[in-house]
Amino acid sequence: MYVIAQALTTLVLIAACGLMAGLLGGLLGLGGAVILTPLLTILLNLPYNTPQVLVSCPQYQPQ
């Protein structure tokens, strides 16, 4: 049960970070990755390259 609660908390935190990055990026005219990568690095204690991959992955479109 603890693992499910921890996973749910992590998902909610990532969603909140995405919402904050979208709002701040829209207000400041910046890309969301500029805000989202440091947020995920600081709040989730991830290595710096992991949020970079998470942020740039949806932009990849195979042809």
C-alpha atoms as a PDB file:
ATOM      1  CA  MET A   1       0.000   0.000   0.000  1.00  0.00           C
ATOM      2  CA  TYR A   2       2.906   2.331   0.756  1.00  0.00           C
ATOM      3  CA  VAL A   3       4.318   1.890  -2.750  1.00  0.00           C
ATOM      4  CA  ILE A   4       0.998   2.842  -4.348  1.00  0.00           C
ATOM      5  CA  ALA A   5       0.707   5.936  -2.158  1.00  0.00           C
ATOM      6  CA  GLN A   6       4.275   6.954  -2.975  1.00  0.00           C
ATOM      7  CA  ALA A   7       3.698   6.478  -6.716  1.00  0.00           C
ATOM      8  CA  LEU A   8       0.473   8.482  -6.580  1.00  0.00           C
ATOM      9  CA  THR A   9       2.209  11.276  -4.681  1.00  0.00           C
ATOM     10  CA  THR A  10       4.995  11.350  -7.267  1.00  0.00           C
ATOM     11  CA  LEU A  11       2.502  11.520 -10.142  1.00  0.00           C
ATOM     12  CA  VAL A  12       0.604  14.371  -8.499  1.00  0.00           C
ATOM     13  CA  LEU A  13       3.877  16.225  -7.893  1.00  0.00           C
ATOM     14  CA  ILE A  14       4.936  15.801 -11.530  1.00  0.00           C
ATOM     15  CA  ALA A  15       1.520  17.011 -12.718  1.00  0.00           C
ATOM     16  CA  ALA A  16       1.715  20.049 -10.427  1.00  0.00           C
ATOM     17  CA  CYS A  17       5.215  20.831 -11.709  1.00  0.00           C
ATOM     18  CA  GLY A  18       3.951  20.590 -15.276  1.00  0.00           C
ATOM     19  CA  LEU A  19       1.073  22.943 -14.527  1.00  0.00           C
ATOM     20  CA  MET A  20       3.383  25.458 -12.842  1.00  0.00           C
ATOM     21  CA  ALA A  21       5.900  25.255 -15.686  1.00  0.00           C
ATOM     22  CA  GLY A  22       3.155  25.776 -18.251  1.00  0.00           C
ATOM     23  CA  LEU A  23       1.723  28.790 -16.466  1.00  0.00           C
ATOM     24  CA  LEU A  24       5.068  30.423 -15.769  1.00  0.00           C
ATOM     25  CA  GLY A  25       6.357  29.607 -19.240  1.00  0.00           C
ATOM     26  CA  GLY A  26       3.279  31.178 -20.800  1.00  0.00           C
ATOM     27  CA  LEU A  27       3.463  34.281 -18.647  1.00  0.00           C
ATOM     28  CA  LEU A  28       7.187  34.816 -19.094  1.00  0.00           C
ATOM     29  CA  GLY A  29       7.435  33.707 -22.715  1.00  0.00           C
ATOM     30  CA  LEU A  30       9.823  30.882 -21.901  1.00  0.00           C
ATOM     31  CA  GLY A  31       9.671  27.249 -22.877  1.00  0.00           C
ATOM     32  CA  GLY A  32       8.297  24.947 -20.232  1.00  0.00           C
ATOM     33  CA  ALA A  33      11.509  22.905 -20.155  1.00  0.00           C
ATOM     34  CA  VAL A  34      13.419  25.899 -18.787  1.00  0.00           C
ATOM     35  CA  ILE A  35      11.255  25.761 -15.678  1.00  0.00           C
ATOM     36  CA  LEU A  36      10.299  22.078 -15.559  1.00  0.00           C
ATOM     37  CA  THR A  37      13.809  20.584 -15.619  1.00  0.00           C
ATOM     38  CA  PRO A  38      15.074  22.406 -12.482  1.00  0.00           C
ATOM     39  CA  LEU A  39      11.763  21.784 -10.686  1.00  0.00           C
ATOM     40  CA  LEU A  40      11.924  18.043 -11.275  1.00  0.00           C
ATOM     41  CA  THR A  41      15.618  17.970 -10.360  1.00  0.00           C
ATOM     42  CA  ILE A  42      15.091  19.798  -7.069  1.00  0.00           C
ATOM     43  CA  LEU A  43      11.745  18.377  -5.926  1.00  0.00           C
ATOM     44  CA  LEU A  44      12.228  14.731  -6.929  1.00  0.00           C
ATOM     45  CA  ASN A  45      16.001  14.526  -6.351  1.00  0.00           C
ATOM     46  CA  LEU A  46      16.526  13.183  -9.860  1.00  0.00           C
ATOM     47  CA  PRO A  47      19.870  13.344 -11.665  1.00  0.00           C
ATOM     48  CA  TYR A  48      19.959  16.314 -14.028  1.00  0.00           C
ATOM     49  CA  ASN A  49      19.816  14.283 -17.246  1.00  0.00           C
ATOM     50  CA  THR A  50      16.621  12.373 -16.287  1.00  0.00           C
ATOM     51  CA  PRO A  51      14.260  15.403 -16.376  1.00  0.00           C
ATOM     52  CA  GLN A  52      15.885  16.484 -19.650  1.00  0.00           C
ATOM     53  CA  VAL A  53      14.849  13.182 -21.201  1.00  0.00           C
ATOM     54  CA  LEU A  54      11.356  13.366 -19.685  1.00  0.00           C
ATOM     55  CA  VAL A  55      10.826  16.880 -21.006  1.00  0.00           C
ATOM     56  CA  SER A  56      12.190  16.303 -24.513  1.00  0.00           C
ATOM     57  CA  CYS A  57      10.626  12.861 -25.068  1.00  0.00           C
ATOM     58  CA  PRO A  58       7.145  14.060 -26.145  1.00  0.00           C
ATOM     59  CA  GLN A  59       8.769  16.249 -28.825  1.00  0.00           C
ATOM     60  CA  TYR A  60      10.196  13.223 -30.620  1.00  0.00           C
ATOM     61  CA  GLN A  61       8.077  12.292 -33.614  1.00  0.00           C
ATOM     62  CA  PRO A  62       9.279   9.380 -35.745  1.00  0.00           C
ATOM     63  CA  GLN A  63       8.561   9.617 -39.442  1.00  0.00           C
END
